[in-house]
N, C-alpha and C. Protein backbone atom coordinates (compact mmCIF):
# COMPACT_ATOMS: atom_id res chain seq x y z
N MET A 1 0.93 -1.15 0.16
CA MET A 1 0.11 -0.21 -0.06
C MET A 1 0.88 1.23 -0.10
N LEU A 2 1.81 1.28 0.76
CA LEU A 2 2.95 2.24 0.94
C LEU A 2 3.44 2.46 -0.69
N ARG A 3 3.74 1.50 -1.08
CA ARG A 3 4.75 1.56 -2.54
C ARG A 3 3.54 2.10 -3.24
N SER A 4 2.48 1.62 -3.35
CA SER A 4 1.29 2.22 -4.39
C SER A 4 1.14 3.61 -4.13
N LEU A 5 1.15 4.26 -3.01
CA LEU A 5 0.86 5.43 -2.65
C LEU A 5 2.19 6.56 -3.23
N ALA A 6 3.25 5.79 -2.66
CA ALA A 6 4.62 6.58 -3.35
C ALA A 6 4.45 6.74 -4.82
N ALA A 7 3.83 5.42 -5.62
CA ALA A 7 4.04 5.56 -6.97
C ALA A 7 3.14 6.61 -7.47
N LEU A 8 1.77 6.58 -6.97
CA LEU A 8 0.64 7.72 -7.49
C LEU A 8 1.32 9.02 -7.21
N LEU A 9 2.07 9.30 -6.20
CA LEU A 9 2.41 10.50 -5.86
C LEU A 9 3.53 10.86 -6.69
N LEU A 10 4.41 10.45 -7.22
CA LEU A 10 5.22 10.59 -8.31
C LEU A 10 4.74 10.65 -9.34
N THR A 11 3.73 9.68 -9.90
CA THR A 11 3.12 10.02 -11.26
C THR A 11 2.54 11.47 -11.19
N LEU A 12 2.22 12.07 -9.96
CA LEU A 12 1.24 13.24 -10.04
C LEU A 12 2.50 14.38 -10.26
N ALA A 13 3.53 14.05 -9.39
CA ALA A 13 4.22 14.88 -9.39
C ALA A 13 5.50 15.09 -10.77
N LEU A 14 5.40 14.33 -11.41
CA LEU A 14 6.19 14.19 -12.68
C LEU A 14 5.78 15.54 -13.42
N PRO A 15 4.36 15.68 -13.98
CA PRO A 15 4.02 17.15 -14.95
C PRO A 15 4.76 18.14 -14.10
N VAL A 16 4.72 18.44 -12.70
CA VAL A 16 4.73 19.61 -12.20
C VAL A 16 6.52 19.79 -12.36
N LEU A 17 7.27 18.60 -12.06
CA LEU A 17 8.77 18.51 -12.12
C LEU A 17 9.32 19.09 -13.57
N ALA A 18 8.52 18.53 -14.73
CA ALA A 18 8.50 18.78 -16.25
C ALA A 18 8.35 20.08 -16.28
N ASP A 19 7.21 20.62 -15.98
CA ASP A 19 7.14 22.27 -16.16
C ASP A 19 8.07 23.19 -15.31
N GLU A 20 8.46 22.94 -14.11
CA GLU A 20 9.69 23.58 -13.63
C GLU A 20 10.83 23.57 -14.63
N ARG A 21 11.15 22.34 -15.35
CA ARG A 21 12.26 21.99 -15.82
C ARG A 21 12.46 22.78 -17.28
N LEU A 22 11.14 22.74 -17.64
CA LEU A 22 11.03 23.51 -18.86
C LEU A 22 11.20 25.09 -18.77
N SER A 23 10.51 25.44 -17.46
CA SER A 23 10.83 27.07 -17.08
C SER A 23 12.14 27.47 -17.02
N GLN A 24 12.87 26.21 -16.43
CA GLN A 24 14.51 26.46 -16.30
C GLN A 24 15.20 26.79 -17.41
N ALA A 25 14.63 25.74 -18.52
CA ALA A 25 15.25 26.09 -20.17
C ALA A 25 14.71 27.32 -20.77
N ASP A 26 13.69 28.07 -20.39
CA ASP A 26 13.35 29.31 -20.83
C ASP A 26 13.52 29.43 -22.52
N PHE A 27 12.86 28.37 -22.96
CA PHE A 27 12.62 28.74 -24.51
C PHE A 27 11.88 29.81 -25.03
N PRO A 28 12.24 30.68 -25.90
CA PRO A 28 11.42 31.74 -26.47
C PRO A 28 10.13 31.12 -27.09
N THR A 29 9.17 31.58 -27.33
CA THR A 29 8.07 31.47 -27.94
C THR A 29 7.98 31.33 -29.28
N SER A 30 9.24 32.38 -29.90
CA SER A 30 9.36 32.29 -31.42
C SER A 30 11.05 32.43 -31.41
N HIS A 31 11.33 32.44 -32.62
CA HIS A 31 12.80 32.51 -32.99
C HIS A 31 12.99 32.96 -34.78
N GLN A 32 13.04 34.07 -34.98
CA GLN A 32 13.04 34.75 -36.04
C GLN A 32 11.55 34.39 -36.74
N GLN A 33 11.51 33.83 -37.89
CA GLN A 33 10.00 33.53 -38.32
C GLN A 33 9.33 32.47 -37.94
N LEU A 34 9.84 31.67 -36.72
CA LEU A 34 9.67 30.36 -36.41
C LEU A 34 8.69 30.57 -35.21
N GLU A 35 7.67 29.79 -35.24
CA GLU A 35 7.10 29.71 -33.55
C GLU A 35 7.40 28.24 -33.09
N ARG A 36 7.50 28.56 -31.39
CA ARG A 36 7.95 27.33 -30.89
C ARG A 36 6.43 26.29 -31.00
N LYS A 37 6.26 24.93 -31.17
CA LYS A 37 5.20 24.35 -31.34
C LYS A 37 5.08 23.42 -30.18
N ASN A 38 6.46 22.88 -29.79
CA ASN A 38 6.19 21.80 -28.45
C ASN A 38 7.56 21.93 -27.73
N GLN A 39 7.36 21.77 -26.76
CA GLN A 39 8.75 21.28 -26.02
C GLN A 39 8.65 19.96 -24.91
N ALA A 40 9.80 19.43 -24.28
CA ALA A 40 9.68 18.59 -23.79
C ALA A 40 11.03 18.39 -23.24
N VAL A 41 10.92 17.42 -22.03
CA VAL A 41 12.21 16.87 -21.14
C VAL A 41 12.53 15.90 -21.53
N LEU A 42 13.97 15.68 -21.55
CA LEU A 42 14.24 14.05 -21.97
C LEU A 42 14.89 13.60 -20.46
N THR A 43 14.39 12.39 -20.15
CA THR A 43 14.57 11.94 -18.88
C THR A 43 15.45 10.73 -19.32
N TYR A 44 16.51 10.37 -18.68
CA TYR A 44 17.14 8.80 -18.68
C TYR A 44 17.74 8.61 -17.38
N LEU A 45 16.89 7.08 -17.03
CA LEU A 45 17.36 6.72 -15.84
C LEU A 45 17.09 7.49 -14.34
N TRP A 46 15.93 8.37 -14.58
CA TRP A 46 15.48 9.31 -13.54
C TRP A 46 16.17 10.67 -13.40
N ALA A 47 17.00 10.75 -14.66
CA ALA A 47 17.50 12.04 -14.44
C ALA A 47 17.30 12.81 -15.76
N ASP A 48 17.04 14.06 -15.40
CA ASP A 48 16.58 14.95 -16.65
C ASP A 48 18.01 15.07 -17.06
N VAL A 49 18.20 15.07 -18.60
CA VAL A 49 19.40 15.21 -19.43
C VAL A 49 19.23 16.59 -20.16
N TYR A 50 18.10 16.77 -20.71
CA TYR A 50 18.15 18.05 -21.27
C TYR A 50 16.58 18.39 -21.48
N ALA A 51 16.16 19.49 -21.98
CA ALA A 51 14.88 19.97 -22.33
C ALA A 51 14.91 20.24 -24.24
N ALA A 52 14.17 20.09 -24.68
CA ALA A 52 14.09 20.19 -26.11
C ALA A 52 12.89 21.09 -26.59
N ALA A 53 13.14 21.95 -27.70
CA ALA A 53 11.92 22.96 -28.26
C ALA A 53 11.90 22.72 -29.58
N TYR A 54 10.76 22.33 -30.18
CA TYR A 54 10.81 22.36 -31.86
C TYR A 54 9.74 23.41 -32.21
N TYR A 55 10.46 24.24 -33.39
CA TYR A 55 9.73 25.33 -33.89
C TYR A 55 9.61 25.19 -35.33
N THR A 56 8.73 25.55 -35.60
CA THR A 56 8.40 25.58 -37.31
C THR A 56 7.75 26.72 -37.84
N ALA A 57 7.42 27.05 -38.92
CA ALA A 57 6.37 28.26 -39.35
C ALA A 57 5.23 28.19 -38.91
N PRO A 58 4.77 29.42 -38.77
CA PRO A 58 3.40 29.70 -38.23
C PRO A 58 2.38 28.74 -39.33
N GLY A 59 1.26 28.03 -38.97
CA GLY A 59 0.38 27.30 -39.76
C GLY A 59 0.94 25.85 -40.28
N ILE A 60 2.07 25.37 -39.81
CA ILE A 60 2.67 24.13 -40.20
C ILE A 60 2.71 23.33 -38.71
N GLU A 61 2.15 22.36 -38.76
CA GLU A 61 2.07 21.21 -37.65
C GLU A 61 3.60 20.92 -37.78
N PRO A 62 4.28 20.36 -36.58
CA PRO A 62 5.35 19.90 -36.31
C PRO A 62 5.81 18.72 -37.32
N LEU A 63 5.16 17.59 -37.20
CA LEU A 63 5.04 16.55 -38.30
C LEU A 63 5.16 16.81 -39.75
N GLN A 64 4.44 17.77 -39.99
CA GLN A 64 4.34 18.36 -41.62
C GLN A 64 5.85 18.80 -41.76
N ALA A 65 6.29 19.62 -40.91
CA ALA A 65 7.61 20.56 -41.00
C ALA A 65 8.74 19.48 -41.16
N TYR A 66 8.71 18.68 -40.32
CA TYR A 66 9.98 17.53 -40.56
C TYR A 66 9.65 16.76 -42.01
N ARG A 67 8.55 16.11 -42.04
CA ARG A 67 8.30 15.44 -43.39
C ARG A 67 8.85 16.25 -44.55
N ARG A 68 8.13 17.55 -44.55
CA ARG A 68 8.32 18.33 -45.83
C ARG A 68 9.88 19.16 -45.97
N GLU A 69 10.70 18.55 -45.04
CA GLU A 69 11.93 19.59 -44.82
C GLU A 69 11.73 21.11 -44.96
N ALA A 70 10.78 21.54 -44.29
CA ALA A 70 10.33 23.07 -43.98
C ALA A 70 11.29 23.59 -43.22
N ASP A 71 11.04 24.84 -43.11
CA ASP A 71 11.90 25.62 -42.11
C ASP A 71 11.75 25.01 -40.73
N GLN A 72 12.61 24.81 -40.13
CA GLN A 72 12.68 24.39 -38.66
C GLN A 72 13.94 24.67 -37.62
N ARG A 73 13.68 24.48 -36.57
CA ARG A 73 14.60 24.66 -35.54
C ARG A 73 14.39 23.75 -34.29
N LEU A 74 15.40 22.87 -34.06
CA LEU A 74 15.21 22.06 -32.80
C LEU A 74 16.49 22.58 -31.83
N GLU A 75 15.82 22.87 -30.73
CA GLU A 75 16.92 23.48 -29.44
C GLU A 75 16.96 22.85 -28.53
N LEU A 76 18.20 22.33 -27.80
CA LEU A 76 18.52 21.74 -26.71
C LEU A 76 19.06 22.20 -25.71
N TYR A 77 18.35 22.49 -24.61
CA TYR A 77 19.05 22.84 -23.12
C TYR A 77 19.49 21.89 -22.31
N TYR A 78 20.53 21.80 -21.98
CA TYR A 78 21.19 20.51 -21.19
C TYR A 78 21.30 20.98 -19.60
N TYR A 79 20.86 20.11 -18.86
CA TYR A 79 21.09 20.16 -17.46
C TYR A 79 21.95 19.54 -16.78
N ARG A 80 22.71 18.83 -17.76
CA ARG A 80 23.72 17.91 -16.93
C ARG A 80 25.17 18.18 -18.28
N SER A 81 26.48 18.14 -17.43
CA SER A 81 27.38 18.11 -18.41
C SER A 81 27.75 16.78 -19.00
N ILE A 82 28.10 16.54 -20.35
CA ILE A 82 28.14 15.33 -21.05
C ILE A 82 29.59 15.43 -21.89
N ASP A 83 30.04 14.26 -21.66
CA ASP A 83 31.46 14.48 -22.89
C ASP A 83 31.18 14.28 -24.07
N ARG A 84 31.79 15.03 -24.92
CA ARG A 84 31.83 15.14 -26.23
C ARG A 84 31.61 13.66 -26.83
N SER A 85 32.46 12.80 -26.40
CA SER A 85 32.77 11.45 -27.34
C SER A 85 31.33 10.95 -26.79
N ASP A 86 30.85 11.04 -25.73
CA ASP A 86 29.41 10.52 -25.35
C ASP A 86 28.17 10.78 -26.54
N VAL A 87 28.37 12.30 -26.65
CA VAL A 87 27.59 12.48 -27.72
C VAL A 87 27.44 12.20 -29.06
N ILE A 88 28.66 12.03 -29.38
CA ILE A 88 29.17 11.62 -30.83
C ILE A 88 28.68 9.89 -30.92
N GLU A 89 29.03 9.42 -30.09
CA GLU A 89 28.66 7.56 -30.07
C GLU A 89 27.19 7.51 -29.93
N ALA A 90 26.68 8.41 -29.17
CA ALA A 90 24.94 8.22 -29.45
C ALA A 90 24.35 8.69 -30.93
N ALA A 91 25.03 9.62 -31.35
CA ALA A 91 24.77 10.09 -32.55
C ALA A 91 24.83 8.89 -33.52
N TRP A 92 25.95 8.31 -33.67
CA TRP A 92 26.50 7.41 -34.52
C TRP A 92 25.64 6.37 -34.24
N THR A 93 25.25 5.65 -32.84
CA THR A 93 24.25 4.47 -32.57
C THR A 93 23.14 4.92 -33.29
N THR A 94 22.48 5.97 -33.07
CA THR A 94 21.20 6.22 -33.80
C THR A 94 21.33 6.20 -34.90
N LEU A 95 22.14 7.06 -35.67
CA LEU A 95 22.13 7.01 -37.52
C LEU A 95 22.33 5.73 -37.64
N GLU A 96 23.26 4.67 -37.15
CA GLU A 96 23.25 3.39 -37.71
C GLU A 96 21.88 2.38 -37.50
N ARG A 97 21.18 2.72 -36.83
CA ARG A 97 19.98 2.19 -36.31
C ARG A 97 18.78 2.65 -37.62
N GLN A 98 19.09 3.98 -37.85
CA GLN A 98 17.97 4.64 -38.86
C GLN A 98 18.28 4.47 -40.31
N LEU A 99 19.66 4.56 -40.61
CA LEU A 99 19.86 4.65 -42.05
C LEU A 99 20.92 3.18 -42.49
N ASP A 100 20.63 3.11 -43.87
CA ASP A 100 21.24 2.02 -44.31
C ASP A 100 22.53 2.35 -44.82
N GLY A 101 23.39 1.34 -44.82
CA GLY A 101 25.06 1.38 -44.88
C GLY A 101 25.21 2.58 -45.96
N ALA A 102 24.86 2.55 -47.26
CA ALA A 102 24.97 3.29 -48.37
C ALA A 102 24.80 4.69 -47.74
N ALA A 103 23.43 4.87 -47.17
CA ALA A 103 23.21 6.56 -46.88
C ALA A 103 24.19 7.10 -45.95
N LEU A 104 24.32 6.05 -44.86
CA LEU A 104 25.49 6.34 -43.88
C LEU A 104 26.76 6.80 -44.61
N ALA A 105 27.19 5.95 -45.50
CA ALA A 105 28.52 5.87 -46.01
C ALA A 105 28.58 7.48 -46.72
N ALA A 106 27.47 7.58 -47.54
CA ALA A 106 27.49 8.93 -48.25
C ALA A 106 27.59 10.25 -47.36
N LEU A 107 26.96 10.21 -46.15
CA LEU A 107 26.99 11.28 -45.29
C LEU A 107 28.29 11.28 -44.47
N ARG A 108 29.17 10.21 -44.34
CA ARG A 108 30.20 10.02 -43.09
C ARG A 108 30.66 11.30 -43.17
N PRO A 109 31.32 12.00 -44.66
CA PRO A 109 32.34 13.02 -44.63
C PRO A 109 31.38 13.95 -43.87
N ASP A 110 30.38 14.53 -44.09
CA ASP A 110 29.72 15.62 -43.35
C ASP A 110 29.26 15.50 -41.98
N LEU A 111 28.99 14.24 -41.66
CA LEU A 111 28.66 13.87 -40.18
C LEU A 111 30.22 13.89 -39.46
N ASP A 112 31.29 13.78 -40.13
CA ASP A 112 32.65 13.84 -39.47
C ASP A 112 32.71 15.31 -39.25
N ALA A 113 32.62 15.92 -40.13
CA ALA A 113 32.89 17.24 -40.02
C ALA A 113 32.05 18.17 -39.07
N LEU A 114 30.47 17.88 -39.12
CA LEU A 114 29.84 18.46 -38.04
C LEU A 114 30.16 18.06 -36.40
N HIS A 115 30.55 16.67 -36.80
CA HIS A 115 31.23 16.19 -35.41
C HIS A 115 32.22 16.88 -34.59
N ALA A 116 33.06 17.06 -36.08
CA ALA A 116 34.51 17.81 -35.32
C ALA A 116 34.11 19.26 -34.62
N THR A 117 33.15 19.84 -34.46
CA THR A 117 32.42 21.19 -33.92
C THR A 117 31.97 20.74 -32.88
N PHE A 118 31.80 19.68 -32.49
CA PHE A 118 31.27 19.28 -30.87
C PHE A 118 32.37 19.73 -29.63
N ARG A 119 31.91 20.14 -28.72
CA ARG A 119 32.98 20.23 -27.84
C ARG A 119 31.94 19.73 -26.57
N ASP A 120 32.71 19.62 -25.28
CA ASP A 120 31.90 18.87 -24.08
C ASP A 120 30.99 19.74 -23.73
N ILE A 121 29.82 19.28 -23.49
CA ILE A 121 28.75 19.98 -22.80
C ILE A 121 28.75 20.32 -21.39
N ARG A 122 28.42 21.36 -20.94
CA ARG A 122 28.22 21.87 -19.82
C ARG A 122 26.92 22.36 -19.50
N ALA A 123 26.44 21.73 -18.23
CA ALA A 123 24.79 22.04 -17.73
C ALA A 123 24.88 23.58 -17.84
N GLY A 124 23.81 24.09 -18.64
CA GLY A 124 23.28 25.26 -19.07
C GLY A 124 23.70 25.59 -20.38
N ASP A 125 24.41 24.66 -21.26
CA ASP A 125 24.78 25.12 -22.94
C ASP A 125 23.49 24.87 -23.53
N ARG A 126 23.36 25.34 -24.50
CA ARG A 126 22.29 25.10 -25.77
C ARG A 126 22.74 24.91 -26.98
N TYR A 127 22.09 24.09 -27.68
CA TYR A 127 22.45 23.49 -29.09
C TYR A 127 21.47 23.82 -29.47
N ALA A 128 21.43 24.16 -30.85
CA ALA A 128 20.17 24.28 -32.18
C ALA A 128 20.71 23.92 -33.38
N LEU A 129 19.72 22.87 -34.07
CA LEU A 129 19.74 22.79 -35.41
C LEU A 129 18.61 23.47 -36.20
N ASN A 130 19.32 24.26 -37.28
CA ASN A 130 18.48 25.03 -37.89
C ASN A 130 18.23 24.43 -39.26
N TYR A 131 17.17 24.47 -39.67
CA TYR A 131 17.04 24.14 -41.23
C TYR A 131 16.15 25.02 -41.86
N ALA A 132 16.69 25.78 -43.06
CA ALA A 132 16.04 26.57 -43.98
C ALA A 132 16.21 26.15 -45.56
N ALA A 133 15.22 25.92 -46.16
CA ALA A 133 15.25 25.34 -47.66
C ALA A 133 16.46 26.54 -48.06
N ARG A 134 16.43 27.43 -47.84
CA ARG A 134 17.04 28.40 -48.88
C ARG A 134 18.61 28.15 -48.32
N THR A 135 18.84 28.08 -47.16
CA THR A 135 20.10 28.46 -46.44
C THR A 135 20.87 26.83 -45.84
N GLY A 136 20.19 25.86 -45.62
CA GLY A 136 20.31 24.54 -45.42
C GLY A 136 20.24 24.39 -43.92
N LEU A 137 21.25 23.82 -43.35
CA LEU A 137 21.51 23.23 -42.06
C LEU A 137 22.42 24.07 -41.23
N SER A 138 22.46 24.56 -40.15
CA SER A 138 23.32 24.86 -39.32
C SER A 138 23.02 24.48 -37.60
N LEU A 139 24.22 24.44 -37.26
CA LEU A 139 24.34 23.86 -35.81
C LEU A 139 24.88 25.24 -35.27
N GLU A 140 24.17 25.46 -33.93
CA GLU A 140 24.65 26.84 -33.05
C GLU A 140 25.04 25.86 -31.65
N ARG A 141 25.83 26.86 -30.96
CA ARG A 141 26.09 26.31 -29.65
C ARG A 141 26.02 27.56 -28.82
N ASN A 142 25.21 27.73 -27.75
CA ASN A 142 25.25 28.82 -27.37
C ASN A 142 25.14 30.26 -27.89
N GLY A 143 24.16 30.39 -28.87
CA GLY A 143 23.99 31.15 -30.07
C GLY A 143 24.91 31.24 -31.21
N GLU A 144 26.00 30.79 -31.09
CA GLU A 144 27.36 31.02 -32.34
C GLU A 144 27.02 29.88 -33.16
N THR A 145 27.31 30.27 -34.69
CA THR A 145 27.14 29.27 -35.51
C THR A 145 28.36 28.47 -35.66
N LEU A 146 28.52 27.02 -35.83
CA LEU A 146 29.80 26.12 -35.46
C LEU A 146 29.86 25.60 -36.76
N PHE A 147 28.55 25.23 -37.64
CA PHE A 147 28.82 24.50 -38.64
C PHE A 147 27.55 24.90 -39.67
N ARG A 148 27.84 24.73 -40.79
CA ARG A 148 26.64 24.99 -42.22
C ARG A 148 27.11 23.72 -43.09
N SER A 149 25.85 23.38 -43.58
CA SER A 149 25.68 22.52 -44.73
C SER A 149 24.73 22.89 -45.77
N ASP A 150 24.85 22.88 -46.97
CA ASP A 150 23.30 23.01 -47.74
C ASP A 150 23.08 21.46 -48.25
N ASP A 151 23.33 20.37 -47.57
CA ASP A 151 22.92 19.17 -48.00
C ASP A 151 21.77 18.69 -47.14
N PRO A 152 20.45 18.55 -47.83
CA PRO A 152 19.27 18.49 -47.17
C PRO A 152 19.01 17.08 -46.60
N ALA A 153 19.83 16.12 -47.31
CA ALA A 153 20.01 14.48 -46.59
C ALA A 153 20.54 14.73 -45.41
N LEU A 154 21.91 15.55 -44.95
CA LEU A 154 22.24 15.64 -43.78
C LEU A 154 21.38 16.12 -42.75
N ALA A 155 20.82 17.19 -43.42
CA ALA A 155 19.82 17.87 -42.28
C ALA A 155 18.45 16.91 -41.80
N ARG A 156 18.20 16.21 -42.76
CA ARG A 156 17.11 15.12 -42.47
C ARG A 156 17.69 14.29 -41.42
N ALA A 157 18.83 13.62 -41.87
CA ALA A 157 19.67 12.49 -41.19
C ALA A 157 19.68 12.98 -39.48
N TYR A 158 20.13 14.38 -39.28
CA TYR A 158 20.34 14.64 -38.12
C TYR A 158 19.45 15.04 -37.34
N LEU A 159 18.65 15.85 -38.15
CA LEU A 159 17.39 16.24 -37.30
C LEU A 159 16.50 14.81 -36.84
N GLY A 160 16.70 13.71 -37.72
CA GLY A 160 16.23 12.55 -37.56
C GLY A 160 16.65 11.85 -36.20
N ILE A 161 17.74 12.11 -35.79
CA ILE A 161 18.15 11.60 -34.62
C ILE A 161 17.14 11.71 -33.41
N TRP A 162 16.37 12.97 -33.36
CA TRP A 162 15.20 13.24 -32.48
C TRP A 162 14.29 13.20 -33.01
N LEU A 163 13.90 13.28 -34.23
CA LEU A 163 12.56 13.49 -34.90
C LEU A 163 11.79 12.38 -35.80
N ALA A 164 12.90 11.42 -36.03
CA ALA A 164 12.43 10.17 -36.94
C ALA A 164 12.42 8.92 -36.07
N PRO A 165 11.28 8.13 -36.35
CA PRO A 165 11.29 6.72 -35.76
C PRO A 165 12.78 6.01 -35.57
N GLY A 166 12.82 5.27 -34.34
CA GLY A 166 13.91 4.85 -34.03
C GLY A 166 14.99 5.82 -33.37
N GLY A 167 14.57 6.89 -33.14
CA GLY A 167 15.81 8.10 -32.97
C GLY A 167 16.10 7.51 -31.46
N LEU A 168 16.41 8.89 -30.61
CA LEU A 168 16.90 8.43 -29.32
C LEU A 168 15.95 8.38 -28.33
N SER A 169 14.61 8.94 -28.50
CA SER A 169 13.70 8.53 -27.43
C SER A 169 12.21 8.93 -28.30
N ASP A 170 11.55 7.70 -28.23
CA ASP A 170 10.13 7.75 -29.14
C ASP A 170 9.24 8.70 -28.03
N ALA A 171 9.30 8.70 -26.76
CA ALA A 171 8.41 9.53 -26.16
C ALA A 171 8.88 10.86 -26.49
N LEU A 172 10.19 11.37 -26.49
CA LEU A 172 10.51 13.09 -26.90
C LEU A 172 9.95 12.93 -28.21
N ARG A 173 10.05 12.29 -28.93
CA ARG A 173 9.88 12.40 -30.62
C ARG A 173 8.22 12.74 -30.50
N GLU A 174 7.72 11.68 -29.65
CA GLU A 174 6.16 12.07 -29.89
C GLU A 174 5.67 13.41 -29.16
N LYS A 175 6.37 13.86 -28.40
CA LYS A 175 5.93 15.05 -27.90
C LYS A 175 6.23 15.93 -28.46
N LEU A 176 7.48 15.92 -29.18
CA LEU A 176 7.83 17.08 -30.10
C LEU A 176 7.15 17.32 -31.41
N LEU A 177 6.90 16.29 -31.93
CA LEU A 177 5.82 16.28 -33.19
C LEU A 177 4.34 16.03 -33.04
N ALA A 178 3.71 16.40 -31.78
CA ALA A 178 2.50 16.39 -31.59
C ALA A 178 1.65 17.52 -32.06
N GLN A 179 0.49 17.50 -32.68
CA GLN A 179 -0.33 18.46 -33.27
C GLN A 179 -0.87 19.01 -31.82
N ARG A 180 -0.67 20.50 -32.50
CA ARG A 180 -1.27 21.29 -31.26
C ARG A 180 -2.59 21.42 -31.17
């Protein structure tokens, strides 16, 4: 009985805790011409790792934006420090699960160049992937652009780490791509 009560209280508290964590991330409601559609917290083994916010153009639902390769932004706010090598390993593991060998081999030079810009993540860091049809993919860290590519296949694959089936977290994906 005590265990059931504790589980119920924890279940009731989780949305409140997630709201507090999202407040800490303080994602703006818009970025340039994009509006924030959804936001969520990624929790791994009971530890909040980061909050994510997904932005698309007004009038375009999140799933439509991802499928159509419309203008979009995925911003991550980190609650914990993470070694660069762990981030790169997680990206490769996910990409190997999502892409066939030929597609991965074709993207490898650009993926290596993108990964070369990564640094160890510190609590409070913000990373953002931006995609615009006319300018391509860019990676920002704490507001500074570190990488650019005009390859839409790279943009789709890298955004897919969070937004495609078989990514880092199905629960996070569902929250980010949910209709409003």
